[in-house]
Amino acid sequence: MDSTLGTKKQQAPGERNSSRRDAREKILTAAYGLFASNGVVQVGIDTVIAKSGCAKASLYNQFGSKEGLAIAFLDRREELWTRAWLEAEILRRGDTPEDRLLAVFDIFDEWFSREDFEGCSFINVLLESKPGSLINRAASAHLRKIRGILHKQATDAGLADVERFTRLWHMLMKGAIVCALEGNRQAARDARAGAAILLSCWSRIQSAAH
């Protein structure tokens, strides 16, 4: 008689690792859509589990907690939103650093008009999380990375006091996003007009002039 009858088939290590990766990706994909649209606080673990089709134990095994899942969501948001979309579009649309800085608002204008416009997840998480918490610090770190993109373009443009310029430019970006969420879908155009004035009046480093 076959001794394997009635026993559970054992997975090879490679199969187990593949299953874990699949479960992680399913959970993170489900969480990404839910968190981006509704915020982290408003979405419960059970909702994520139901959408992913995975067991609750898989979520805790892969991410440790809802906070761990939220941080993974922010990392994925940087990958897809900050890098693959915003930064890529800035570089694609502008021939000069000045053009690339202003292109931010052209990109936002198109984004604001989309039916699936959901706002900035980094801002949303920052506002809904406890100051100083792990997830709050993670959201702040991701916002700093966006300023890093702006910093690079401002430096290449030969602008003086790049740190201050970058903070102001980012303030215009964040303000436009909030205004769009209020219902002003023309906010990016207004912000671009103000940004163009700021850019034209900003001091340049003489040695970097071209």
Protein backbone atom coordinates (compact mmCIF):
# COMPACT_ATOMS: atom_id res chain seq x y z
CA MET A 1 0.00 0.00 0.00
CA ASP A 2 1.29 3.48 -0.88
CA SER A 3 2.38 5.06 2.40
CA THR A 4 1.77 8.56 1.02
CA LEU A 5 -1.98 8.06 0.78
CA GLY A 6 -3.88 10.19 3.25
CA THR A 7 -0.91 12.40 4.03
CA LYS A 8 -0.47 16.05 3.15
CA LYS A 9 1.88 16.73 0.29
CA GLN A 10 4.95 18.62 1.46
CA GLN A 11 5.98 21.76 -0.42
CA ALA A 12 9.57 22.15 -1.50
CA PRO A 13 11.40 25.18 -0.04
CA GLY A 14 11.23 26.99 -3.39
CA GLU A 15 7.47 26.41 -3.60
CA ARG A 16 6.97 27.70 -0.05
CA ASN A 17 8.97 30.84 -0.78
CA SER A 18 7.00 31.39 -3.98
CA SER A 19 3.72 30.99 -2.08
CA ARG A 20 4.85 33.51 0.52
CA ARG A 21 5.84 35.98 -2.18
CA ASP A 22 2.51 35.51 -3.91
CA ALA A 23 0.60 36.06 -0.67
CA ARG A 24 2.66 39.17 0.14
CA GLU A 25 2.02 40.62 -3.31
CA LYS A 26 -1.71 39.90 -3.20
CA ILE A 27 -2.05 41.54 0.21
CA LEU A 28 0.06 44.55 -0.72
CA THR A 29 -1.80 45.03 -4.01
CA ALA A 30 -5.13 44.92 -2.20
CA ALA A 31 -3.91 47.31 0.49
CA TYR A 32 -2.46 49.69 -2.10
CA GLY A 33 -5.79 50.25 -3.81
CA LEU A 34 -7.71 50.54 -0.55
CA PHE A 35 -5.21 52.76 1.29
CA ALA A 36 -4.66 55.07 -1.68
CA SER A 37 -8.39 55.64 -2.15
CA ASN A 38 -9.62 55.66 1.43
CA GLY A 39 -6.66 56.32 3.70
CA VAL A 40 -4.97 53.96 6.11
CA VAL A 41 -7.06 54.67 9.21
CA GLN A 42 -10.39 54.13 7.45
CA VAL A 43 -9.49 50.69 6.10
CA GLY A 44 -9.52 47.72 8.46
CA ILE A 45 -7.41 44.58 8.24
CA ASP A 46 -10.47 42.47 7.51
CA THR A 47 -11.25 44.59 4.44
CA VAL A 48 -7.72 44.11 3.11
CA ILE A 49 -7.90 40.37 3.76
CA ALA A 50 -11.26 40.05 2.03
CA LYS A 51 -10.01 41.86 -1.07
CA SER A 52 -6.72 39.95 -1.21
CA GLY A 53 -8.28 36.51 -0.76
CA CYS A 54 -5.48 35.55 1.64
CA ALA A 55 -5.60 34.36 5.23
CA LYS A 56 -5.22 36.88 8.03
CA ALA A 57 -2.25 34.91 9.31
CA SER A 58 -0.47 35.59 6.02
CA LEU A 59 -0.78 39.33 6.57
CA TYR A 60 0.77 39.16 10.01
CA ASN A 61 3.45 36.72 8.86
CA GLN A 62 4.44 38.99 5.98
CA PHE A 63 4.04 42.46 7.51
CA GLY A 64 3.89 41.96 11.27
CA SER A 65 1.06 44.44 11.82
CA LYS A 66 -1.21 46.90 10.06
CA GLU A 67 1.46 49.53 10.63
CA GLY A 68 4.00 47.34 8.86
CA LEU A 69 1.58 46.91 5.97
CA ALA A 70 1.02 50.68 5.83
CA ILE A 71 4.76 51.31 5.66
CA ALA A 72 5.06 48.77 2.85
CA PHE A 73 2.23 50.61 1.10
CA LEU A 74 4.14 53.89 1.36
CA ASP A 75 7.23 52.22 -0.09
CA ARG A 76 5.18 50.88 -3.00
CA ARG A 77 3.61 54.34 -3.42
CA GLU A 78 7.07 55.83 -3.82
CA GLU A 79 7.94 53.19 -6.38
CA LEU A 80 4.80 53.69 -8.48
CA TRP A 81 3.77 57.29 -7.85
CA THR A 82 6.93 59.21 -6.98
CA ARG A 83 9.46 57.44 -9.19
CA ALA A 84 7.67 55.66 -12.03
CA TRP A 85 5.13 58.44 -12.58
CA LEU A 86 6.01 61.87 -11.18
CA GLU A 87 9.79 61.83 -11.56
CA ALA A 88 9.66 60.02 -14.90
CA GLU A 89 7.14 62.50 -16.29
CA ILE A 90 9.13 65.49 -15.05
CA LEU A 91 12.24 64.23 -16.83
CA ARG A 92 10.32 63.34 -19.97
CA ARG A 93 8.52 66.64 -20.37
CA GLY A 94 11.22 69.19 -19.65
CA ASP A 95 14.32 70.05 -21.67
CA THR A 96 15.77 72.34 -18.99
CA PRO A 97 15.70 72.21 -15.17
CA GLU A 98 13.31 75.19 -15.16
CA ASP A 99 10.98 73.41 -17.58
CA ARG A 100 11.07 70.28 -15.47
CA LEU A 101 10.19 72.20 -12.31
CA LEU A 102 7.19 73.82 -13.98
CA ALA A 103 6.18 70.51 -15.57
CA VAL A 104 5.20 69.33 -12.09
CA PHE A 105 2.10 71.51 -12.26
CA ASP A 106 1.22 70.42 -15.80
CA ILE A 107 1.37 66.82 -14.60
CA PHE A 108 -0.75 67.70 -11.56
CA ASP A 109 -3.31 69.46 -13.77
CA GLU A 110 -3.89 66.24 -15.68
CA TRP A 111 -3.92 64.24 -12.46
CA PHE A 112 -6.48 66.51 -10.80
CA SER A 113 -8.88 66.05 -13.72
CA ARG A 114 -8.89 62.27 -13.47
CA GLU A 115 -11.88 60.52 -11.93
CA ASP A 116 -9.57 58.41 -9.77
CA PHE A 117 -7.72 61.42 -8.31
CA GLU A 118 -7.11 60.42 -4.68
CA GLY A 119 -4.71 63.06 -3.37
CA CYS A 120 -1.24 62.48 -1.98
CA SER A 121 -1.00 59.36 0.18
CA PHE A 122 2.06 60.71 1.98
CA ILE A 123 0.17 63.84 3.05
CA ASN A 124 -2.90 61.79 3.97
CA VAL A 125 -0.93 59.40 6.16
CA LEU A 126 1.03 62.25 7.72
CA LEU A 127 -2.18 64.00 8.78
CA GLU A 128 -4.03 60.94 10.04
CA SER A 129 -1.17 59.36 12.01
CA LYS A 130 0.15 60.24 15.44
CA PRO A 131 3.05 62.74 15.31
CA GLY A 132 6.34 60.97 15.89
CA SER A 133 4.93 57.50 15.23
CA LEU A 134 6.77 55.10 12.95
CA ILE A 135 4.29 55.53 10.11
CA ASN A 136 4.24 59.31 10.58
CA ARG A 137 8.01 59.42 10.25
CA ALA A 138 7.84 57.16 7.20
CA ALA A 139 5.39 59.52 5.47
CA SER A 140 7.64 62.48 6.26
CA ALA A 141 10.62 60.62 4.81
CA HIS A 142 8.78 59.99 1.56
CA LEU A 143 7.86 63.66 1.29
CA ARG A 144 11.53 64.54 1.76
CA LYS A 145 12.35 62.29 -1.19
CA ILE A 146 10.01 64.34 -3.36
CA ARG A 147 11.86 67.45 -2.25
CA GLY A 148 15.05 65.66 -3.23
CA ILE A 149 13.78 65.47 -6.82
CA LEU A 150 13.02 69.18 -6.75
CA HIS A 151 16.36 69.93 -5.13
CA LYS A 152 18.19 68.25 -8.00
CA GLN A 153 16.39 70.35 -10.61
CA ALA A 154 16.82 73.58 -8.65
CA THR A 155 20.53 72.89 -8.25
CA ASP A 156 20.90 72.17 -11.96
CA ALA A 157 19.11 75.46 -12.69
CA GLY A 158 21.75 77.31 -10.69
CA LEU A 159 19.29 78.71 -8.17
CA ALA A 160 20.58 80.33 -4.99
CA ASP A 161 19.45 79.12 -1.55
CA VAL A 162 18.25 75.83 -3.01
CA GLU A 163 16.96 74.45 0.29
CA ARG A 164 14.57 77.35 0.79
CA PHE A 165 13.47 77.34 -2.84
CA THR A 166 12.74 73.62 -2.67
CA ARG A 167 10.63 74.02 0.46
CA LEU A 168 8.59 76.80 -1.15
CA TRP A 169 8.10 74.85 -4.39
CA HIS A 170 6.96 71.83 -2.46
CA MET A 171 4.55 74.00 -0.48
CA LEU A 172 2.95 75.10 -3.75
CA MET A 173 2.65 71.49 -4.83
CA LYS A 174 1.08 70.33 -1.56
CA GLY A 175 -1.22 73.35 -1.45
CA ALA A 176 -2.45 72.61 -4.97
CA ILE A 177 -3.22 69.01 -4.01
CA VAL A 178 -5.25 70.09 -0.98
CA CYS A 179 -7.14 72.69 -3.03
CA ALA A 180 -7.94 70.06 -5.65
CA LEU A 181 -9.33 67.80 -2.93
CA GLU A 182 -11.50 70.71 -1.82
CA GLY A 183 -12.97 70.73 -5.30
CA ASN A 184 -10.83 73.26 -7.16
CA ARG A 185 -9.62 71.12 -10.05
CA GLN A 186 -7.95 74.21 -11.59
CA ALA A 187 -5.61 74.47 -8.62
CA ALA A 188 -2.55 73.22 -10.50
CA ARG A 189 -2.90 75.98 -13.09
CA ASP A 190 -3.12 78.64 -10.39
CA ALA A 191 -0.13 77.14 -8.58
CA ARG A 192 1.84 77.03 -11.83
CA ALA A 193 1.25 80.73 -12.42
CA GLY A 194 2.56 81.53 -8.95
CA ALA A 195 5.46 79.13 -9.37
CA ALA A 196 6.48 80.75 -12.65
CA ILE A 197 6.69 84.14 -10.91
CA LEU A 198 8.70 82.66 -8.06
CA LEU A 199 11.10 80.99 -10.47
CA SER A 200 11.60 84.09 -12.60
CA CYS A 201 12.37 86.26 -9.56
CA TRP A 202 14.61 83.82 -7.70
CA SER A 203 18.29 84.69 -7.46
CA ARG A 204 20.80 82.66 -9.40
CA ILE A 205 24.31 81.66 -8.46
CA GLN A 206 26.52 83.72 -10.75
CA SER A 207 29.05 80.96 -11.36
CA ALA A 208 26.26 78.63 -12.46
CA ALA A 209 24.72 81.07 -14.93
CA HIS A 210 24.39 79.79 -18.49
